[in-house]
Amino acid sequence: MVNRSELCEKISEIYPQLGSCERNMVVQWDAANRAWAVDFELGGEKVRHFLEDADAAACVLGRQCVGVGIEFGQFL
């Protein structure tokens, strides 16, 4: 399993226009959904995206992080 900081930093690195960790983007493990919850806020709009652990690992390893970009891209 990846860790929260690692995942948040990788998302910020790939999509710098989304902002930064703990400023307007928060990543945390959601035990109820058994997935990583990525909360993003920009211009008063808030959205939450869930990443399965395997998808989060692929993102951290630089393979793909497409779901986050598609979900949050609508706010940019």
N, C-alpha and C. Protein backbone atom coordinates (compact mmCIF):
# COMPACT_ATOMS: atom_id res chain seq x y z
N MET A 1 0.85 -1.18 0.00
CA MET A 1 0.00 0.00 0.00
C MET A 1 0.89 1.24 0.00
N VAL A 2 0.52 2.22 -0.79
CA VAL A 2 1.26 3.48 -0.83
C VAL A 2 0.91 4.30 0.40
N ASN A 3 1.68 5.33 0.65
CA ASN A 3 1.32 6.19 1.78
C ASN A 3 0.72 7.50 1.28
N ARG A 4 0.02 8.15 2.15
CA ARG A 4 -0.75 9.35 1.84
C ARG A 4 0.11 10.46 1.25
N SER A 5 1.24 10.75 1.88
CA SER A 5 2.11 11.83 1.42
C SER A 5 2.67 11.55 0.03
N GLU A 6 3.08 10.31 -0.17
CA GLU A 6 3.64 9.89 -1.45
C GLU A 6 2.63 10.09 -2.58
N LEU A 7 1.41 9.67 -2.34
CA LEU A 7 0.36 9.78 -3.35
C LEU A 7 0.02 11.25 -3.62
N CYS A 8 -0.14 12.03 -2.59
CA CYS A 8 -0.48 13.44 -2.76
C CYS A 8 0.62 14.19 -3.52
N GLU A 9 1.86 13.94 -3.15
CA GLU A 9 2.98 14.60 -3.83
C GLU A 9 3.05 14.22 -5.30
N LYS A 10 2.78 12.95 -5.62
CA LYS A 10 2.83 12.50 -7.01
C LYS A 10 1.72 13.16 -7.83
N ILE A 11 0.52 13.24 -7.26
CA ILE A 11 -0.58 13.91 -7.97
C ILE A 11 -0.23 15.38 -8.20
N SER A 12 0.33 16.04 -7.20
CA SER A 12 0.74 17.44 -7.34
C SER A 12 1.83 17.61 -8.39
N GLU A 13 2.72 16.64 -8.47
CA GLU A 13 3.81 16.69 -9.45
C GLU A 13 3.26 16.54 -10.87
N ILE A 14 2.35 15.60 -11.07
CA ILE A 14 1.80 15.33 -12.39
C ILE A 14 0.83 16.43 -12.82
N TYR A 15 0.04 16.92 -11.89
CA TYR A 15 -0.98 17.94 -12.17
C TYR A 15 -0.75 19.16 -11.28
N PRO A 16 0.32 19.94 -11.52
CA PRO A 16 0.62 21.09 -10.65
C PRO A 16 -0.48 22.14 -10.64
N GLN A 17 -1.27 22.21 -11.69
CA GLN A 17 -2.36 23.18 -11.76
C GLN A 17 -3.47 22.88 -10.75
N LEU A 18 -3.46 21.67 -10.17
CA LEU A 18 -4.46 21.33 -9.16
C LEU A 18 -4.15 21.95 -7.81
N GLY A 19 -2.93 22.41 -7.63
CA GLY A 19 -2.56 23.00 -6.35
C GLY A 19 -1.61 22.11 -5.58
N SER A 20 -1.63 22.25 -4.28
CA SER A 20 -0.67 21.50 -3.47
C SER A 20 -1.35 20.75 -2.33
N CYS A 21 -0.62 19.79 -1.82
CA CYS A 21 -1.11 18.96 -0.72
C CYS A 21 -1.39 19.80 0.51
N GLU A 22 -2.47 19.50 1.14
CA GLU A 22 -2.92 20.14 2.38
C GLU A 22 -3.34 21.60 2.18
N ARG A 23 -3.12 22.14 1.02
CA ARG A 23 -3.59 23.51 0.75
C ARG A 23 -4.99 23.45 0.17
N ASN A 24 -5.13 22.82 -0.99
CA ASN A 24 -6.45 22.65 -1.57
C ASN A 24 -6.68 21.21 -2.04
N MET A 25 -5.74 20.32 -1.67
CA MET A 25 -5.89 18.91 -1.99
C MET A 25 -5.49 18.07 -0.78
N VAL A 26 -6.37 17.15 -0.42
CA VAL A 26 -6.12 16.29 0.73
C VAL A 26 -6.32 14.85 0.29
N VAL A 27 -5.36 14.00 0.64
CA VAL A 27 -5.44 12.57 0.33
C VAL A 27 -5.50 11.81 1.64
N GLN A 28 -6.44 10.88 1.73
CA GLN A 28 -6.55 10.06 2.94
C GLN A 28 -7.14 8.70 2.59
N TRP A 29 -6.81 7.70 3.39
CA TRP A 29 -7.35 6.37 3.19
C TRP A 29 -8.77 6.35 3.73
N ASP A 30 -9.72 5.90 2.93
CA ASP A 30 -11.11 5.79 3.34
C ASP A 30 -11.39 4.31 3.59
N ALA A 31 -11.37 3.92 4.86
CA ALA A 31 -11.51 2.50 5.22
C ALA A 31 -12.88 1.95 4.82
N ALA A 32 -13.91 2.76 4.90
CA ALA A 32 -15.26 2.30 4.55
C ALA A 32 -15.35 1.91 3.07
N ASN A 33 -14.67 2.66 2.22
CA ASN A 33 -14.69 2.38 0.78
C ASN A 33 -13.49 1.56 0.31
N ARG A 34 -12.56 1.34 1.23
CA ARG A 34 -11.34 0.59 0.93
C ARG A 34 -10.63 1.17 -0.30
N ALA A 35 -10.48 2.48 -0.28
CA ALA A 35 -9.86 3.21 -1.39
C ALA A 35 -9.29 4.52 -0.86
N TRP A 36 -8.40 5.10 -1.65
CA TRP A 36 -7.85 6.41 -1.32
C TRP A 36 -8.84 7.47 -1.74
N ALA A 37 -9.15 8.40 -0.85
CA ALA A 37 -10.03 9.53 -1.15
C ALA A 37 -9.15 10.74 -1.42
N VAL A 38 -9.34 11.34 -2.57
CA VAL A 38 -8.60 12.55 -2.94
C VAL A 38 -9.62 13.68 -2.98
N ASP A 39 -9.51 14.59 -2.03
CA ASP A 39 -10.42 15.74 -1.96
C ASP A 39 -9.72 16.95 -2.55
N PHE A 40 -10.42 17.65 -3.43
CA PHE A 40 -9.85 18.78 -4.13
C PHE A 40 -10.83 19.94 -4.07
N GLU A 41 -10.32 21.14 -3.89
CA GLU A 41 -11.16 22.34 -3.85
C GLU A 41 -10.50 23.44 -4.66
N LEU A 42 -11.29 24.10 -5.50
CA LEU A 42 -10.79 25.22 -6.29
C LEU A 42 -11.96 26.15 -6.58
N GLY A 43 -11.80 27.40 -6.26
CA GLY A 43 -12.84 28.39 -6.53
C GLY A 43 -14.17 28.08 -5.87
N GLY A 44 -14.12 27.52 -4.68
CA GLY A 44 -15.35 27.20 -3.96
C GLY A 44 -16.00 25.88 -4.34
N GLU A 45 -15.51 25.26 -5.40
CA GLU A 45 -16.03 23.96 -5.83
C GLU A 45 -15.22 22.86 -5.16
N LYS A 46 -15.91 21.82 -4.68
CA LYS A 46 -15.25 20.70 -4.03
C LYS A 46 -15.63 19.40 -4.73
N VAL A 47 -14.67 18.50 -4.83
CA VAL A 47 -14.93 17.19 -5.42
C VAL A 47 -14.09 16.15 -4.69
N ARG A 48 -14.61 14.95 -4.61
CA ARG A 48 -13.88 13.83 -4.01
C ARG A 48 -13.78 12.73 -5.06
N HIS A 49 -12.58 12.21 -5.22
CA HIS A 49 -12.33 11.12 -6.16
C HIS A 49 -11.73 9.96 -5.39
N PHE A 50 -12.18 8.76 -5.68
CA PHE A 50 -11.64 7.57 -5.03
C PHE A 50 -10.70 6.84 -5.97
N LEU A 51 -9.57 6.42 -5.43
CA LEU A 51 -8.59 5.61 -6.16
C LEU A 51 -8.42 4.29 -5.44
N GLU A 52 -8.62 3.20 -6.16
CA GLU A 52 -8.32 1.89 -5.58
C GLU A 52 -6.83 1.85 -5.27
N ASP A 53 -6.44 1.02 -4.33
CA ASP A 53 -5.04 0.98 -3.93
C ASP A 53 -4.12 0.64 -5.10
N ALA A 54 -4.54 -0.28 -5.97
CA ALA A 54 -3.72 -0.65 -7.13
C ALA A 54 -3.54 0.55 -8.07
N ASP A 55 -4.59 1.34 -8.26
CA ASP A 55 -4.50 2.54 -9.10
C ASP A 55 -3.61 3.60 -8.46
N ALA A 56 -3.70 3.72 -7.14
CA ALA A 56 -2.84 4.67 -6.43
C ALA A 56 -1.38 4.26 -6.56
N ALA A 57 -1.11 2.96 -6.45
CA ALA A 57 0.27 2.47 -6.59
C ALA A 57 0.78 2.75 -8.00
N ALA A 58 -0.05 2.53 -9.01
CA ALA A 58 0.35 2.80 -10.40
C ALA A 58 0.65 4.28 -10.58
N CYS A 59 -0.12 5.13 -9.94
CA CYS A 59 0.10 6.57 -10.01
C CYS A 59 1.45 6.94 -9.40
N VAL A 60 1.72 6.43 -8.21
CA VAL A 60 2.97 6.74 -7.51
C VAL A 60 4.17 6.23 -8.30
N LEU A 61 4.02 5.09 -8.97
CA LEU A 61 5.11 4.52 -9.76
C LEU A 61 5.25 5.20 -11.12
N GLY A 62 4.37 6.14 -11.41
CA GLY A 62 4.47 6.90 -12.66
C GLY A 62 3.86 6.21 -13.86
N ARG A 63 3.09 5.16 -13.65
CA ARG A 63 2.48 4.44 -14.76
C ARG A 63 1.26 5.17 -15.30
N GLN A 64 0.38 5.55 -14.42
CA GLN A 64 -0.82 6.28 -14.83
C GLN A 64 -1.47 6.95 -13.63
N CYS A 65 -2.10 8.07 -13.90
CA CYS A 65 -2.84 8.78 -12.87
C CYS A 65 -3.99 9.50 -13.58
N VAL A 66 -4.56 8.81 -14.55
CA VAL A 66 -5.53 9.41 -15.45
C VAL A 66 -6.84 9.77 -14.77
N GLY A 67 -7.35 8.89 -13.92
CA GLY A 67 -8.65 9.12 -13.28
C GLY A 67 -8.72 10.45 -12.55
N VAL A 68 -7.66 10.77 -11.84
CA VAL A 68 -7.61 12.03 -11.10
C VAL A 68 -7.64 13.21 -12.07
N GLY A 69 -6.87 13.14 -13.13
CA GLY A 69 -6.81 14.22 -14.11
C GLY A 69 -8.15 14.46 -14.79
N ILE A 70 -8.84 13.37 -15.13
CA ILE A 70 -10.15 13.50 -15.77
C ILE A 70 -11.16 14.11 -14.81
N GLU A 71 -11.19 13.58 -13.60
CA GLU A 71 -12.16 14.04 -12.59
C GLU A 71 -11.95 15.52 -12.24
N PHE A 72 -10.71 15.91 -11.99
CA PHE A 72 -10.42 17.26 -11.55
C PHE A 72 -10.21 18.23 -12.70
N GLY A 73 -9.95 17.73 -13.89
CA GLY A 73 -9.70 18.57 -15.05
C GLY A 73 -10.85 19.50 -15.38
N GLN A 74 -12.05 19.10 -15.02
CA GLN A 74 -13.22 19.93 -15.30
C GLN A 74 -13.21 21.24 -14.53
N PHE A 75 -12.38 21.34 -13.49
CA PHE A 75 -12.31 22.55 -12.67
C PHE A 75 -11.21 23.50 -13.13
N LEU A 76 -10.42 23.08 -14.09
CA LEU A 76 -9.28 23.90 -14.52
C LEU A 76 -9.59 24.69 -15.76
